[in-house]
Amino acid sequence: MSHLTTEAKKSLFNTFGGAEKNTGSIEAQVAMLTERINHISAHIKENKKDFSSNRGLIKMVGRRKQLLQYLAKRDITLYRSLIEKLGLRK
């Protein structure tokens, strides 16, 4: 279950997808995955033996990586701006 409220999701989709209803855009999907990854990472730091959450985290990171690779091939400038906005790649 996601920790994000409906309003938080709508603001994410507004910021990254362009509209509340644009939930399928790559940018919105990556932003949502990033939020969930950050939340589960904090959970795993406190609960080190929660292996099922750890597996879910690994799957989400892989999914985000695939989406980012697709975006990099499709539109490199959009990819770079999204990475910058989300604070990925230090």
N, C-alpha and C. Protein backbone atom coordinates (compact mmCIF):
# COMPACT_ATOMS: atom_id res chain seq x y z
N MET A 1 0.84 -1.19 0.00
CA MET A 1 0.00 0.00 0.00
C MET A 1 0.88 1.25 0.00
N SER A 2 0.49 2.19 -0.77
CA SER A 2 1.26 3.42 -0.90
C SER A 2 1.00 4.34 0.28
N HIS A 3 2.00 5.07 0.69
CA HIS A 3 1.86 6.00 1.81
C HIS A 3 1.33 7.35 1.36
N LEU A 4 1.27 7.59 0.06
CA LEU A 4 0.87 8.89 -0.46
C LEU A 4 -0.64 9.06 -0.43
N THR A 5 -1.07 10.24 -0.04
CA THR A 5 -2.49 10.55 -0.08
C THR A 5 -2.89 10.88 -1.51
N THR A 6 -4.17 10.92 -1.75
CA THR A 6 -4.67 11.23 -3.09
C THR A 6 -4.23 12.62 -3.52
N GLU A 7 -4.25 13.57 -2.58
CA GLU A 7 -3.84 14.94 -2.92
C GLU A 7 -2.36 14.99 -3.28
N ALA A 8 -1.54 14.23 -2.55
CA ALA A 8 -0.11 14.21 -2.84
C ALA A 8 0.15 13.61 -4.22
N LYS A 9 -0.59 12.57 -4.55
CA LYS A 9 -0.44 11.95 -5.87
C LYS A 9 -0.84 12.93 -6.97
N LYS A 10 -1.96 13.63 -6.74
CA LYS A 10 -2.41 14.60 -7.75
C LYS A 10 -1.39 15.70 -7.96
N SER A 11 -0.77 16.16 -6.88
CA SER A 11 0.24 17.21 -7.03
C SER A 11 1.47 16.67 -7.75
N LEU A 12 1.83 15.41 -7.49
CA LEU A 12 2.94 14.79 -8.22
C LEU A 12 2.63 14.72 -9.71
N PHE A 13 1.41 14.29 -10.05
CA PHE A 13 1.05 14.18 -11.45
C PHE A 13 0.95 15.55 -12.10
N ASN A 14 0.52 16.57 -11.36
CA ASN A 14 0.50 17.93 -11.90
C ASN A 14 1.91 18.40 -12.20
N THR A 15 2.83 18.15 -11.26
CA THR A 15 4.19 18.62 -11.42
C THR A 15 4.92 17.91 -12.55
N PHE A 16 4.79 16.59 -12.59
CA PHE A 16 5.60 15.82 -13.54
C PHE A 16 4.84 15.36 -14.78
N GLY A 17 3.53 15.14 -14.66
CA GLY A 17 2.76 14.65 -15.79
C GLY A 17 2.10 15.74 -16.60
N GLY A 18 1.99 16.92 -16.03
CA GLY A 18 1.36 18.02 -16.74
C GLY A 18 -0.09 18.22 -16.36
N ALA A 19 -0.76 17.15 -15.91
CA ALA A 19 -2.16 17.24 -15.49
C ALA A 19 -2.44 16.16 -14.46
N GLU A 20 -3.49 16.38 -13.65
CA GLU A 20 -3.86 15.40 -12.63
C GLU A 20 -4.17 14.05 -13.22
N LYS A 21 -4.82 14.04 -14.36
CA LYS A 21 -5.28 12.79 -14.98
C LYS A 21 -4.19 12.10 -15.78
N ASN A 22 -3.07 12.75 -16.01
CA ASN A 22 -2.00 12.18 -16.82
C ASN A 22 -1.11 11.27 -15.97
N THR A 23 -1.68 10.15 -15.53
CA THR A 23 -0.95 9.25 -14.64
C THR A 23 -0.05 8.31 -15.40
N GLY A 24 -0.19 8.22 -16.70
CA GLY A 24 0.58 7.26 -17.48
C GLY A 24 1.86 7.81 -18.06
N SER A 25 2.11 9.11 -17.94
CA SER A 25 3.33 9.66 -18.52
C SER A 25 4.54 9.09 -17.81
N ILE A 26 5.60 8.91 -18.54
CA ILE A 26 6.82 8.32 -17.99
C ILE A 26 7.32 9.15 -16.81
N GLU A 27 7.28 10.48 -16.95
CA GLU A 27 7.79 11.35 -15.90
C GLU A 27 6.99 11.15 -14.61
N ALA A 28 5.66 11.06 -14.74
CA ALA A 28 4.82 10.88 -13.56
C ALA A 28 5.06 9.52 -12.91
N GLN A 29 5.23 8.49 -13.73
CA GLN A 29 5.49 7.15 -13.19
C GLN A 29 6.81 7.11 -12.44
N VAL A 30 7.84 7.73 -13.00
CA VAL A 30 9.15 7.74 -12.36
C VAL A 30 9.08 8.53 -11.05
N ALA A 31 8.36 9.65 -11.04
CA ALA A 31 8.22 10.44 -9.83
C ALA A 31 7.50 9.65 -8.74
N MET A 32 6.44 8.94 -9.11
CA MET A 32 5.70 8.13 -8.14
C MET A 32 6.58 7.01 -7.59
N LEU A 33 7.30 6.33 -8.47
CA LEU A 33 8.20 5.26 -8.02
C LEU A 33 9.27 5.81 -7.09
N THR A 34 9.79 6.98 -7.40
CA THR A 34 10.83 7.58 -6.56
C THR A 34 10.29 7.87 -5.17
N GLU A 35 9.08 8.40 -5.09
CA GLU A 35 8.46 8.66 -3.77
C GLU A 35 8.31 7.36 -2.98
N ARG A 36 7.81 6.32 -3.64
CA ARG A 36 7.60 5.04 -2.96
C ARG A 36 8.93 4.41 -2.55
N ILE A 37 9.95 4.52 -3.40
CA ILE A 37 11.28 3.98 -3.09
C ILE A 37 11.85 4.68 -1.86
N ASN A 38 11.72 6.01 -1.79
CA ASN A 38 12.22 6.75 -0.64
C ASN A 38 11.51 6.33 0.64
N HIS A 39 10.20 6.12 0.55
CA HIS A 39 9.42 5.72 1.72
C HIS A 39 9.83 4.32 2.21
N ILE A 40 9.95 3.38 1.28
CA ILE A 40 10.30 2.01 1.67
C ILE A 40 11.74 1.93 2.14
N SER A 41 12.62 2.74 1.58
CA SER A 41 14.02 2.76 2.04
C SER A 41 14.10 3.16 3.51
N ALA A 42 13.31 4.17 3.88
CA ALA A 42 13.28 4.59 5.28
C ALA A 42 12.73 3.48 6.16
N HIS A 43 11.73 2.76 5.68
CA HIS A 43 11.14 1.65 6.44
C HIS A 43 12.17 0.53 6.65
N ILE A 44 12.93 0.24 5.61
CA ILE A 44 13.90 -0.87 5.69
C ILE A 44 15.07 -0.51 6.60
N LYS A 45 15.42 0.77 6.69
CA LYS A 45 16.48 1.16 7.62
C LYS A 45 16.10 0.85 9.06
N GLU A 46 14.81 0.97 9.39
CA GLU A 46 14.34 0.68 10.74
C GLU A 46 14.08 -0.81 10.95
N ASN A 47 13.64 -1.50 9.89
CA ASN A 47 13.26 -2.91 9.97
C ASN A 47 14.15 -3.73 9.05
N LYS A 48 15.35 -4.00 9.49
CA LYS A 48 16.36 -4.62 8.64
C LYS A 48 15.99 -6.03 8.18
N LYS A 49 15.14 -6.73 8.91
CA LYS A 49 14.82 -8.11 8.55
C LYS A 49 13.51 -8.25 7.76
N ASP A 50 12.99 -7.14 7.29
CA ASP A 50 11.77 -7.17 6.49
C ASP A 50 12.15 -7.47 5.04
N PHE A 51 12.30 -8.76 4.76
CA PHE A 51 12.83 -9.18 3.47
C PHE A 51 11.81 -9.01 2.33
N SER A 52 10.54 -9.12 2.63
CA SER A 52 9.54 -8.97 1.56
C SER A 52 9.47 -7.52 1.09
N SER A 53 9.59 -6.58 2.01
CA SER A 53 9.64 -5.17 1.61
C SER A 53 10.92 -4.88 0.84
N ASN A 54 11.99 -5.53 1.23
CA ASN A 54 13.27 -5.34 0.53
C ASN A 54 13.17 -5.82 -0.91
N ARG A 55 12.49 -6.95 -1.11
CA ARG A 55 12.31 -7.47 -2.46
C ARG A 55 11.45 -6.52 -3.29
N GLY A 56 10.39 -6.00 -2.68
CA GLY A 56 9.56 -5.04 -3.38
C GLY A 56 10.33 -3.78 -3.76
N LEU A 57 11.20 -3.36 -2.87
CA LEU A 57 12.05 -2.19 -3.14
C LEU A 57 12.95 -2.45 -4.34
N ILE A 58 13.56 -3.61 -4.38
CA ILE A 58 14.46 -3.95 -5.48
C ILE A 58 13.70 -3.99 -6.80
N LYS A 59 12.47 -4.52 -6.78
CA LYS A 59 11.66 -4.56 -8.00
C LYS A 59 11.29 -3.16 -8.47
N MET A 60 10.97 -2.27 -7.51
CA MET A 60 10.62 -0.89 -7.87
C MET A 60 11.82 -0.15 -8.46
N VAL A 61 12.99 -0.37 -7.89
CA VAL A 61 14.20 0.28 -8.41
C VAL A 61 14.46 -0.19 -9.83
N GLY A 62 14.28 -1.49 -10.08
CA GLY A 62 14.46 -2.02 -11.43
C GLY A 62 13.47 -1.44 -12.42
N ARG A 63 12.21 -1.30 -11.99
CA ARG A 63 11.19 -0.72 -12.86
C ARG A 63 11.50 0.73 -13.19
N ARG A 64 11.94 1.49 -12.17
CA ARG A 64 12.29 2.89 -12.41
C ARG A 64 13.47 2.98 -13.36
N LYS A 65 14.43 2.08 -13.21
CA LYS A 65 15.61 2.07 -14.08
C LYS A 65 15.20 1.82 -15.54
N GLN A 66 14.27 0.88 -15.75
CA GLN A 66 13.78 0.60 -17.10
C GLN A 66 13.10 1.82 -17.70
N LEU A 67 12.26 2.46 -16.92
CA LEU A 67 11.54 3.65 -17.41
C LEU A 67 12.52 4.77 -17.75
N LEU A 68 13.53 4.95 -16.90
CA LEU A 68 14.52 6.00 -17.16
C LEU A 68 15.35 5.68 -18.41
N GLN A 69 15.68 4.41 -18.62
CA GLN A 69 16.42 4.04 -19.83
C GLN A 69 15.60 4.34 -21.08
N TYR A 70 14.31 4.01 -21.02
CA TYR A 70 13.41 4.30 -22.14
C TYR A 70 13.35 5.80 -22.41
N LEU A 71 13.22 6.58 -21.34
CA LEU A 71 13.13 8.03 -21.49
C LEU A 71 14.43 8.61 -22.05
N ALA A 72 15.57 8.06 -21.62
CA ALA A 72 16.86 8.55 -22.12
C ALA A 72 16.99 8.30 -23.61
N LYS A 73 16.47 7.16 -24.08
CA LYS A 73 16.53 6.87 -25.52
C LYS A 73 15.57 7.76 -26.30
N ARG A 74 14.41 8.04 -25.71
CA ARG A 74 13.37 8.80 -26.40
C ARG A 74 13.64 10.29 -26.43
N ASP A 75 14.03 10.87 -25.28
CA ASP A 75 14.21 12.32 -25.19
C ASP A 75 15.24 12.63 -24.11
N ILE A 76 16.48 12.82 -24.50
CA ILE A 76 17.58 12.96 -23.55
C ILE A 76 17.45 14.24 -22.72
N THR A 77 16.93 15.32 -23.30
CA THR A 77 16.81 16.57 -22.53
C THR A 77 15.75 16.43 -21.44
N LEU A 78 14.64 15.77 -21.76
CA LEU A 78 13.59 15.52 -20.77
C LEU A 78 14.12 14.61 -19.66
N TYR A 79 14.92 13.61 -20.05
CA TYR A 79 15.54 12.70 -19.09
C TYR A 79 16.43 13.46 -18.12
N ARG A 80 17.27 14.33 -18.65
CA ARG A 80 18.19 15.10 -17.80
C ARG A 80 17.46 16.04 -16.87
N SER A 81 16.39 16.68 -17.36
CA SER A 81 15.65 17.59 -16.49
C SER A 81 14.90 16.82 -15.39
N LEU A 82 14.41 15.63 -15.71
CA LEU A 82 13.71 14.81 -14.71
C LEU A 82 14.68 14.34 -13.63
N ILE A 83 15.87 13.93 -14.03
CA ILE A 83 16.89 13.50 -13.07
C ILE A 83 17.24 14.65 -12.13
N GLU A 84 17.35 15.84 -12.70
CA GLU A 84 17.67 17.04 -11.92
C GLU A 84 16.57 17.35 -10.91
N LYS A 85 15.29 17.31 -11.38
CA LYS A 85 14.16 17.63 -10.51
C LYS A 85 14.02 16.64 -9.35
N LEU A 86 14.23 15.36 -9.64
CA LEU A 86 14.04 14.33 -8.62
C LEU A 86 15.26 14.16 -7.72
N GLY A 87 16.38 14.74 -8.11
CA GLY A 87 17.58 14.64 -7.30
C GLY A 87 18.24 13.28 -7.36
N LEU A 88 18.12 12.61 -8.50
CA LEU A 88 18.77 11.32 -8.68
C LEU A 88 20.17 11.53 -9.25
N ARG A 89 21.01 10.56 -9.16
CA ARG A 89 22.38 10.60 -9.70
C ARG A 89 23.22 11.71 -9.08
N LYS A 90 23.85 11.42 -7.99
CA LYS A 90 24.60 12.44 -7.27
C LYS A 90 25.86 12.83 -7.95
